[in-house]
N, C-alpha and C. Protein backbone atom coordinates (compact mmCIF):
# COMPACT_ATOMS: atom_id res chain seq x y z
N MET A 1 24.88 -35.76 6.06
CA MET A 1 24.48 -34.38 5.87
C MET A 1 24.97 -33.57 7.06
N ASN A 2 25.59 -32.41 6.79
CA ASN A 2 26.09 -31.60 7.90
C ASN A 2 25.00 -30.66 8.41
N ALA A 3 25.33 -29.95 9.50
CA ALA A 3 24.34 -29.09 10.16
C ALA A 3 23.83 -27.98 9.24
N VAL A 4 24.72 -27.42 8.42
CA VAL A 4 24.30 -26.34 7.51
C VAL A 4 23.33 -26.89 6.47
N ASP A 5 23.65 -28.06 5.90
CA ASP A 5 22.75 -28.67 4.93
C ASP A 5 21.40 -28.98 5.56
N SER A 6 21.43 -29.50 6.78
CA SER A 6 20.18 -29.81 7.49
C SER A 6 19.36 -28.55 7.70
N ARG A 7 20.01 -27.47 8.15
CA ARG A 7 19.29 -26.22 8.38
C ARG A 7 18.71 -25.68 7.07
N ASN A 8 19.46 -25.78 5.99
CA ASN A 8 18.96 -25.30 4.70
C ASN A 8 17.77 -26.14 4.23
N GLU A 9 17.85 -27.45 4.42
CA GLU A 9 16.74 -28.32 4.04
C GLU A 9 15.50 -27.99 4.87
N ILE A 10 15.69 -27.80 6.17
CA ILE A 10 14.57 -27.43 7.04
C ILE A 10 14.00 -26.09 6.61
N ARG A 11 14.86 -25.13 6.29
CA ARG A 11 14.40 -23.80 5.87
C ARG A 11 13.52 -23.92 4.62
N VAL A 12 13.94 -24.73 3.65
CA VAL A 12 13.16 -24.91 2.42
C VAL A 12 11.79 -25.50 2.75
N ARG A 13 11.76 -26.50 3.61
CA ARG A 13 10.49 -27.14 3.97
C ARG A 13 9.60 -26.21 4.78
N VAL A 14 10.19 -25.43 5.69
CA VAL A 14 9.42 -24.46 6.48
C VAL A 14 8.84 -23.39 5.55
N LEU A 15 9.65 -22.89 4.63
CA LEU A 15 9.15 -21.88 3.69
C LEU A 15 7.98 -22.43 2.87
N ALA A 16 8.10 -23.66 2.41
CA ALA A 16 7.02 -24.26 1.62
C ALA A 16 5.74 -24.36 2.44
N ALA A 17 5.86 -24.79 3.69
CA ALA A 17 4.68 -24.93 4.55
C ALA A 17 4.05 -23.57 4.84
N ILE A 18 4.88 -22.58 5.12
CA ILE A 18 4.35 -21.25 5.41
C ILE A 18 3.69 -20.65 4.18
N LYS A 19 4.28 -20.85 3.02
CA LYS A 19 3.67 -20.35 1.79
C LYS A 19 2.32 -21.02 1.54
N ASN A 20 2.19 -22.29 1.91
CA ASN A 20 0.89 -22.97 1.79
C ASN A 20 -0.13 -22.39 2.75
N ALA A 21 0.33 -22.03 3.95
CA ALA A 21 -0.58 -21.47 4.96
C ALA A 21 -0.96 -20.03 4.65
N LEU A 22 -0.05 -19.31 4.04
CA LEU A 22 -0.26 -17.88 3.76
C LEU A 22 -0.03 -17.61 2.27
N PRO A 23 -0.87 -18.17 1.40
CA PRO A 23 -0.60 -18.09 -0.04
C PRO A 23 -0.62 -16.69 -0.63
N THR A 24 -1.24 -15.74 0.04
CA THR A 24 -1.31 -14.39 -0.51
C THR A 24 -0.14 -13.52 -0.08
N LYS A 25 0.76 -14.07 0.72
CA LYS A 25 1.90 -13.32 1.22
C LYS A 25 3.17 -13.73 0.48
N GLU A 26 4.08 -12.78 0.29
CA GLU A 26 5.39 -13.10 -0.29
C GLU A 26 6.33 -13.44 0.86
N ILE A 27 6.67 -14.70 0.99
CA ILE A 27 7.46 -15.19 2.11
C ILE A 27 8.87 -15.51 1.63
N VAL A 28 9.85 -14.97 2.35
CA VAL A 28 11.26 -15.25 2.11
C VAL A 28 11.89 -15.57 3.46
N PRO A 29 13.10 -16.15 3.49
CA PRO A 29 13.70 -16.51 4.78
C PRO A 29 13.80 -15.36 5.78
N GLU A 30 13.95 -14.14 5.30
CA GLU A 30 14.10 -12.99 6.19
C GLU A 30 12.77 -12.41 6.66
N THR A 31 11.68 -12.98 6.22
CA THR A 31 10.36 -12.46 6.54
C THR A 31 10.12 -12.38 8.04
N LYS A 32 9.70 -11.21 8.49
CA LYS A 32 9.25 -11.00 9.87
C LYS A 32 7.72 -10.96 9.79
N PHE A 33 7.07 -11.76 10.60
CA PHE A 33 5.63 -11.90 10.51
C PHE A 33 4.89 -10.61 10.86
N ASP A 34 5.46 -9.77 11.70
CA ASP A 34 4.84 -8.49 12.03
C ASP A 34 4.68 -7.61 10.79
N ASP A 35 5.57 -7.79 9.81
CA ASP A 35 5.51 -7.00 8.59
C ASP A 35 4.19 -7.24 7.84
N PHE A 36 3.58 -8.39 8.06
CA PHE A 36 2.33 -8.73 7.39
C PHE A 36 1.11 -8.49 8.26
N GLY A 37 1.32 -8.20 9.52
CA GLY A 37 0.18 -8.05 10.42
C GLY A 37 -0.60 -9.34 10.52
N ILE A 38 0.13 -10.44 10.62
CA ILE A 38 -0.51 -11.76 10.68
C ILE A 38 -1.38 -11.86 11.94
N GLU A 39 -2.62 -12.27 11.73
CA GLU A 39 -3.55 -12.44 12.84
C GLU A 39 -3.35 -13.82 13.46
N SER A 40 -3.93 -14.01 14.63
CA SER A 40 -3.71 -15.26 15.36
C SER A 40 -4.16 -16.48 14.58
N LEU A 41 -5.26 -16.39 13.85
CA LEU A 41 -5.73 -17.52 13.06
C LEU A 41 -4.73 -17.88 11.97
N GLU A 42 -4.18 -16.86 11.32
CA GLU A 42 -3.16 -17.11 10.30
C GLU A 42 -1.91 -17.72 10.92
N ALA A 43 -1.52 -17.22 12.09
CA ALA A 43 -0.34 -17.76 12.77
C ALA A 43 -0.56 -19.22 13.14
N MET A 44 -1.74 -19.54 13.65
CA MET A 44 -2.05 -20.92 14.00
C MET A 44 -2.03 -21.82 12.76
N SER A 45 -2.57 -21.32 11.68
CA SER A 45 -2.58 -22.07 10.43
C SER A 45 -1.15 -22.31 9.94
N MET A 46 -0.33 -21.29 10.04
CA MET A 46 1.06 -21.38 9.61
C MET A 46 1.80 -22.43 10.43
N ILE A 47 1.67 -22.39 11.75
CA ILE A 47 2.36 -23.35 12.61
C ILE A 47 1.83 -24.77 12.35
N PHE A 48 0.53 -24.90 12.16
CA PHE A 48 -0.05 -26.21 11.86
C PHE A 48 0.53 -26.78 10.57
N MET A 49 0.67 -25.95 9.55
CA MET A 49 1.22 -26.42 8.27
C MET A 49 2.68 -26.86 8.43
N VAL A 50 3.44 -26.13 9.22
CA VAL A 50 4.83 -26.50 9.48
C VAL A 50 4.88 -27.83 10.23
N GLU A 51 4.02 -27.97 11.24
CA GLU A 51 3.97 -29.23 12.01
C GLU A 51 3.63 -30.41 11.10
N GLU A 52 2.66 -30.22 10.23
CA GLU A 52 2.25 -31.28 9.31
C GLU A 52 3.38 -31.62 8.34
N GLU A 53 3.99 -30.61 7.77
CA GLU A 53 5.07 -30.83 6.79
C GLU A 53 6.25 -31.58 7.40
N LEU A 54 6.59 -31.25 8.64
CA LEU A 54 7.79 -31.80 9.26
C LEU A 54 7.50 -32.87 10.31
N ASP A 55 6.23 -33.20 10.51
CA ASP A 55 5.84 -34.20 11.51
C ASP A 55 6.49 -33.89 12.85
N ILE A 56 6.21 -32.70 13.34
CA ILE A 56 6.82 -32.20 14.58
C ILE A 56 5.78 -31.41 15.36
N ASP A 57 5.94 -31.34 16.66
CA ASP A 57 5.00 -30.61 17.52
C ASP A 57 5.64 -29.32 18.00
N LEU A 58 5.04 -28.20 17.64
CA LEU A 58 5.53 -26.89 18.07
C LEU A 58 4.53 -26.16 18.97
N THR A 59 3.50 -26.88 19.43
CA THR A 59 2.41 -26.22 20.14
C THR A 59 2.79 -25.61 21.48
N ASP A 60 3.87 -26.09 22.10
CA ASP A 60 4.22 -25.56 23.40
C ASP A 60 5.18 -24.37 23.33
N ILE A 61 5.49 -23.91 22.14
CA ILE A 61 6.35 -22.73 22.00
C ILE A 61 5.48 -21.49 22.23
N PRO A 62 5.91 -20.59 23.11
CA PRO A 62 5.13 -19.38 23.36
C PRO A 62 4.90 -18.59 22.07
N SER A 63 3.71 -18.07 21.91
CA SER A 63 3.35 -17.39 20.67
C SER A 63 4.29 -16.24 20.33
N GLY A 64 4.79 -15.53 21.30
CA GLY A 64 5.68 -14.42 21.04
C GLY A 64 7.10 -14.83 20.67
N ALA A 65 7.41 -16.12 20.80
CA ALA A 65 8.76 -16.59 20.53
C ALA A 65 9.03 -16.74 19.04
N ILE A 66 8.00 -16.83 18.25
CA ILE A 66 8.19 -17.00 16.81
C ILE A 66 7.76 -15.71 16.11
N GLN A 67 8.78 -14.98 15.67
CA GLN A 67 8.55 -13.69 15.04
C GLN A 67 8.91 -13.68 13.56
N SER A 68 9.63 -14.72 13.11
CA SER A 68 10.10 -14.73 11.73
C SER A 68 10.25 -16.16 11.22
N VAL A 69 10.49 -16.27 9.93
CA VAL A 69 10.73 -17.58 9.34
C VAL A 69 11.93 -18.25 10.02
N GLU A 70 12.98 -17.50 10.26
CA GLU A 70 14.17 -18.07 10.90
C GLU A 70 13.87 -18.56 12.32
N ASP A 71 12.96 -17.90 13.02
CA ASP A 71 12.56 -18.37 14.35
C ASP A 71 11.89 -19.75 14.24
N VAL A 72 11.09 -19.94 13.20
CA VAL A 72 10.45 -21.23 13.00
C VAL A 72 11.51 -22.29 12.70
N VAL A 73 12.45 -21.95 11.83
CA VAL A 73 13.53 -22.88 11.48
C VAL A 73 14.31 -23.27 12.74
N THR A 74 14.65 -22.28 13.56
CA THR A 74 15.39 -22.54 14.80
C THR A 74 14.59 -23.44 15.74
N ALA A 75 13.29 -23.17 15.87
CA ALA A 75 12.45 -23.99 16.74
C ALA A 75 12.42 -25.44 16.25
N VAL A 76 12.31 -25.63 14.95
CA VAL A 76 12.29 -26.99 14.39
C VAL A 76 13.64 -27.66 14.63
N MET A 77 14.71 -26.96 14.38
CA MET A 77 16.05 -27.53 14.59
C MET A 77 16.24 -27.92 16.05
N ASP A 78 15.79 -27.07 16.96
CA ASP A 78 15.90 -27.38 18.39
C ASP A 78 15.13 -28.65 18.72
N ARG A 79 13.92 -28.81 18.17
CA ARG A 79 13.12 -30.00 18.42
C ARG A 79 13.83 -31.24 17.88
N MET A 80 14.42 -31.10 16.73
CA MET A 80 15.10 -32.25 16.13
C MET A 80 16.32 -32.68 16.95
N LYS A 81 17.00 -31.73 17.54
CA LYS A 81 18.15 -32.04 18.40
C LYS A 81 17.70 -32.79 19.65
N CYS A 82 16.50 -32.50 20.11
CA CYS A 82 15.97 -33.15 21.31
C CYS A 82 15.45 -34.55 21.01
N GLY A 83 15.41 -34.91 19.73
CA GLY A 83 14.97 -36.25 19.38
C GLY A 83 13.49 -36.47 19.51
N GLU A 84 12.70 -35.43 19.26
CA GLU A 84 11.25 -35.57 19.35
C GLU A 84 10.76 -36.63 18.35
N PRO A 85 9.82 -37.46 18.75
CA PRO A 85 9.30 -38.48 17.83
C PRO A 85 8.83 -37.84 16.53
N GLY A 86 9.10 -38.54 15.44
CA GLY A 86 8.69 -38.04 14.14
C GLY A 86 9.70 -37.13 13.50
N THR A 87 10.85 -36.90 14.15
CA THR A 87 11.84 -35.99 13.58
C THR A 87 13.15 -36.68 13.29
N GLN A 88 13.22 -37.97 13.50
CA GLN A 88 14.47 -38.69 13.28
C GLN A 88 14.53 -39.25 11.88
């Protein structure tokens, strides 16, 4: 699988996890979380769902660093490149 395929697969899984965390929101890859006025509890729930779906730890990422779905995808991809346990 090449890098583009991997990123697309991660994007699909991230979108699914975020939609589970925020079922009342219409989430697409271009979604900026500020557009929804997501509160901290919702943001924590969203990150937790992504971590569970992908078996990855994102807890040390500064809260302001993730502003959109693509930011989450990038953070996951970065973790996978670092070889974090549970991502191989």
